[in-house]
Every structure is written in structure tokens, then in C-alpha cells.
Amino acid sequence: MTEGLRRAVLSSPDFLLVSAPEKADFTVTGEVVRFEREPMFFIPRTPSRIAVARFSLDVQVVVSGRREVRRTVTDTVAVPLATGYAEDETLAEAGSRTGNRILTLLREEYGQGKP
């Protein structure tokens, strides 16, 4: 999630990353509180083989600055497993999507630009 949020912030004109927490107007921390894989579709005649799975995660986000904001960010990523499942790519996709959701939270709570 850290890398996904870092990429989201770097691609946004609204916020800047700084090199040390003491230089920041606010800091963001998070904890994955739920991560599940649920089968969505099974391969016909072989129900033990999952063709598509859904990964769901909840991240408890805390933004500390002028005021503290606590929110749970939820995301779901569907992944085809039958065509070659790549765990690293799936986790990177989940991290990127969640990072973008956290960036949206920052915009909603702190407005665009410096808080």
C-alpha cells in the first residue's frame, strides 16, 4: 500500500512528499485490517479449480496533522487465476488502487494543495 500511495501522491499536483515527517503538514499511516480471497467463478466440471477470485481488503487509515482523521478504505480487485496468477502483480494492483482511494480521502478531508 505504501508504494501505491507514494505513486498516487507523486502523480498528483495537489500534494508534495517530503523527506522527513517533521517537514510534513500531515502524515498518513495505515494498517491492513482485512485481506480476503473469495472464489468468484469455478472451472466447469472441476469445481475445485477457481477460475476467477476476488481479493478484498480494508485499510484503517489515520491522517495526522491539523486534525486527526480516521477512515477505513475498502477495495476489491478481481483476478483471473486460470490464465496465470501473478501474486506480486495482484498485490501491486491492490496497493495502487488503495493508494488512489487514500489520495481521494486526503483531498476530501484536507482540500487540494497544502492543508
C-alpha atoms as a PDB file:
ATOM      1  CA  MET A   1       0.000   0.000   0.000  1.00  0.00           C
ATOM      2  CA  THR A   2       2.864   2.363   0.787  1.00  0.00           C
ATOM      3  CA  GLU A   3       4.212   2.246  -2.745  1.00  0.00           C
ATOM      4  CA  GLY A   4       0.739   2.677  -4.222  1.00  0.00           C
ATOM      5  CA  LEU A   5       0.094   5.766  -2.099  1.00  0.00           C
ATOM      6  CA  ARG A   6       3.562   7.142  -2.908  1.00  0.00           C
ATOM      7  CA  ARG A   7       2.897   6.789  -6.667  1.00  0.00           C
ATOM      8  CA  ALA A   8      -0.559   8.371  -6.291  1.00  0.00           C
ATOM      9  CA  VAL A   9       0.821  11.380  -4.401  1.00  0.00           C
ATOM     10  CA  LEU A  10       3.750  11.804  -6.793  1.00  0.00           C
ATOM     11  CA  SER A  11       1.386  11.857  -9.767  1.00  0.00           C
ATOM     12  CA  SER A  12      -0.900  14.400  -8.074  1.00  0.00           C
ATOM     13  CA  PRO A  13      -0.321  18.148  -8.335  1.00  0.00           C
ATOM     14  CA  ASP A  14      -2.227  18.644  -5.058  1.00  0.00           C
ATOM     15  CA  PHE A  15       0.279  17.328  -2.511  1.00  0.00           C
ATOM     16  CA  LEU A  16       4.045  17.009  -2.107  1.00  0.00           C
ATOM     17  CA  LEU A  17       6.031  14.237  -0.489  1.00  0.00           C
ATOM     18  CA  VAL A  18       8.705  15.401   1.927  1.00  0.00           C
ATOM     19  CA  SER A  19      11.806  13.604   3.106  1.00  0.00           C
ATOM     20  CA  ALA A  20      11.048  13.633   6.855  1.00  0.00           C
ATOM     21  CA  PRO A  21       7.860  13.581   8.975  1.00  0.00           C
ATOM     22  CA  GLU A  22       8.854  16.770  10.829  1.00  0.00           C
ATOM     23  CA  LYS A  23       8.751  18.657   7.499  1.00  0.00           C
ATOM     24  CA  ALA A  24       5.217  17.441   6.702  1.00  0.00           C
ATOM     25  CA  ASP A  25       1.944  19.293   7.142  1.00  0.00           C
ATOM     26  CA  PHE A  26       0.368  15.917   7.846  1.00  0.00           C
ATOM     27  CA  THR A  27       1.347  12.242   7.912  1.00  0.00           C
ATOM     28  CA  VAL A  28      -0.535   9.183   6.744  1.00  0.00           C
ATOM     29  CA  THR A  29      -0.351   5.792   8.421  1.00  0.00           C
ATOM     30  CA  GLY A  30      -2.356   2.704   7.668  1.00  0.00           C
ATOM     31  CA  GLU A  31      -2.925  -0.853   8.717  1.00  0.00           C
ATOM     32  CA  VAL A  32      -4.471  -3.624   6.640  1.00  0.00           C
ATOM     33  CA  VAL A  33      -7.238  -4.899   8.904  1.00  0.00           C
ATOM     34  CA  ARG A  34      -8.821  -7.355   6.451  1.00  0.00           C
ATOM     35  CA  PHE A  35      -7.467  -9.201   3.408  1.00  0.00           C
ATOM     36  CA  GLU A  36      -9.556 -11.980   1.885  1.00  0.00           C
ATOM     37  CA  ARG A  37      -9.597 -14.026  -1.291  1.00  0.00           C
ATOM     38  CA  GLU A  38     -13.011 -15.222  -2.375  1.00  0.00           C
ATOM     39  CA  PRO A  39     -13.668 -17.528  -5.326  1.00  0.00           C
ATOM     40  CA  MET A  40     -15.967 -15.933  -7.915  1.00  0.00           C
ATOM     41  CA  PHE A  41     -16.053 -18.462 -10.775  1.00  0.00           C
ATOM     42  CA  PHE A  42     -15.090 -22.115 -10.851  1.00  0.00           C
ATOM     43  CA  ILE A  43     -13.892 -24.078 -13.883  1.00  0.00           C
ATOM     44  CA  PRO A  44     -16.786 -26.235 -15.158  1.00  0.00           C
ATOM     45  CA  ARG A  45     -16.550 -29.937 -14.258  1.00  0.00           C
ATOM     46  CA  THR A  46     -13.644 -29.188 -11.893  1.00  0.00           C
ATOM     47  CA  PRO A  47     -15.198 -27.178  -9.055  1.00  0.00           C
ATOM     48  CA  SER A  48     -12.016 -27.469  -7.007  1.00  0.00           C
ATOM     49  CA  ARG A  49     -10.267 -25.160  -9.519  1.00  0.00           C
ATOM     50  CA  ILE A  50     -11.019 -21.485  -9.195  1.00  0.00           C
ATOM     51  CA  ALA A  51     -11.025 -19.502 -12.464  1.00  0.00           C
ATOM     52  CA  VAL A  52     -11.529 -16.012 -11.025  1.00  0.00           C
ATOM     53  CA  ALA A  53     -11.062 -14.780  -7.477  1.00  0.00           C
ATOM     54  CA  ARG A  54     -11.864 -11.517  -5.775  1.00  0.00           C
ATOM     55  CA  PHE A  55      -9.404 -10.006  -3.326  1.00  0.00           C
ATOM     56  CA  SER A  56     -10.985  -7.689  -0.770  1.00  0.00           C
ATOM     57  CA  LEU A  57      -9.136  -5.525   1.687  1.00  0.00           C
ATOM     58  CA  ASP A  58      -9.851  -2.927   4.324  1.00  0.00           C
ATOM     59  CA  VAL A  59      -7.160  -0.475   5.379  1.00  0.00           C
ATOM     60  CA  GLN A  60      -7.547   1.597   8.542  1.00  0.00           C
ATOM     61  CA  VAL A  61      -6.055   4.974   7.585  1.00  0.00           C
ATOM     62  CA  VAL A  62      -5.017   7.670  10.055  1.00  0.00           C
ATOM     63  CA  VAL A  63      -4.106  11.131   8.795  1.00  0.00           C
ATOM     64  CA  SER A  64      -2.423  13.254  11.459  1.00  0.00           C
ATOM     65  CA  GLY A  65      -1.956  16.976  11.028  1.00  0.00           C
ATOM     66  CA  ARG A  66      -4.036  19.990  11.987  1.00  0.00           C
ATOM     67  CA  ARG A  67      -6.683  17.480  12.934  1.00  0.00           C
ATOM     68  CA  GLU A  68      -6.680  13.710  13.018  1.00  0.00           C
ATOM     69  CA  VAL A  69      -8.808  11.838  10.500  1.00  0.00           C
ATOM     70  CA  ARG A  70      -9.530   8.103  10.796  1.00  0.00           C
ATOM     71  CA  ARG A  71     -11.215   6.219   7.990  1.00  0.00           C
ATOM     72  CA  THR A  72     -11.426   2.694   6.680  1.00  0.00           C
ATOM     73  CA  VAL A  73     -10.642   2.433   2.976  1.00  0.00           C
ATOM     74  CA  THR A  74     -12.095  -0.630   1.253  1.00  0.00           C
ATOM     75  CA  ASP A  75     -11.194  -2.024  -2.144  1.00  0.00           C
ATOM     76  CA  THR A  76     -11.844  -5.132  -4.208  1.00  0.00           C
ATOM     77  CA  VAL A  77      -9.776  -6.494  -7.096  1.00  0.00           C
ATOM     78  CA  ALA A  78     -10.965  -9.356  -9.337  1.00  0.00           C
ATOM     79  CA  VAL A  79      -8.198 -11.542 -10.735  1.00  0.00           C
ATOM     80  CA  PRO A  80      -8.321 -14.328 -13.352  1.00  0.00           C
ATOM     81  CA  LEU A  81      -6.447 -17.289 -11.921  1.00  0.00           C
ATOM     82  CA  ALA A  82      -6.771 -19.682 -14.836  1.00  0.00           C
ATOM     83  CA  THR A  83      -4.514 -17.668 -17.150  1.00  0.00           C
ATOM     84  CA  GLY A  84      -1.517 -17.407 -14.869  1.00  0.00           C
ATOM     85  CA  TYR A  85      -1.881 -15.806 -11.493  1.00  0.00           C
ATOM     86  CA  ALA A  86       0.913 -13.416 -10.536  1.00  0.00           C
ATOM     87  CA  GLU A  87       0.691 -12.602  -6.832  1.00  0.00           C
ATOM     88  CA  ASP A  88       3.157  -9.701  -6.942  1.00  0.00           C
ATOM     89  CA  GLU A  89       1.193  -8.016  -9.743  1.00  0.00           C
ATOM     90  CA  THR A  90      -2.106  -8.575  -7.931  1.00  0.00           C
ATOM     91  CA  LEU A  91      -0.779  -7.064  -4.709  1.00  0.00           C
ATOM     92  CA  ALA A  92       0.738  -4.133  -6.636  1.00  0.00           C
ATOM     93  CA  GLU A  93      -2.637  -3.506  -8.310  1.00  0.00           C
ATOM     94  CA  ALA A  94      -4.431  -3.629  -4.946  1.00  0.00           C
ATOM     95  CA  GLY A  95      -1.831  -1.258  -3.482  1.00  0.00           C
ATOM     96  CA  SER A  96      -2.162   1.170  -6.360  1.00  0.00           C
ATOM     97  CA  ARG A  97      -5.958   1.212  -6.218  1.00  0.00           C
ATOM     98  CA  THR A  98      -5.938   1.625  -2.449  1.00  0.00           C
ATOM     99  CA  GLY A  99      -3.299   4.382  -2.701  1.00  0.00           C
ATOM    100  CA  ASN A 100      -5.585   6.277  -5.079  1.00  0.00           C
ATOM    101  CA  ARG A 101      -8.512   5.856  -2.681  1.00  0.00           C
ATOM    102  CA  ILE A 102      -6.388   7.232   0.163  1.00  0.00           C
ATOM    103  CA  LEU A 103      -5.395  10.187  -2.045  1.00  0.00           C
ATOM    104  CA  THR A 104      -9.106  10.858  -2.631  1.00  0.00           C
ATOM    105  CA  LEU A 105      -9.626  10.773   1.145  1.00  0.00           C
ATOM    106  CA  LEU A 106      -6.824  13.345   1.570  1.00  0.00           C
ATOM    107  CA  ARG A 107      -8.446  15.631  -0.982  1.00  0.00           C
ATOM    108  CA  GLU A 108     -11.840  15.331   0.726  1.00  0.00           C
ATOM    109  CA  GLU A 109     -10.506  15.924   4.237  1.00  0.00           C
ATOM    110  CA  TYR A 110      -7.706  18.415   3.612  1.00  0.00           C
ATOM    111  CA  GLY A 111      -8.732  20.036   0.355  1.00  0.00           C
ATOM    112  CA  GLN A 112      -6.431  20.402  -2.601  1.00  0.00           C
ATOM    113  CA  GLY A 113      -2.986  21.777  -2.020  1.00  0.00           C
ATOM    114  CA  LYS A 114      -1.466  22.239   1.400  1.00  0.00           C
ATOM    115  CA  PRO A 115      -3.844  21.644   4.320  1.00  0.00           C
END
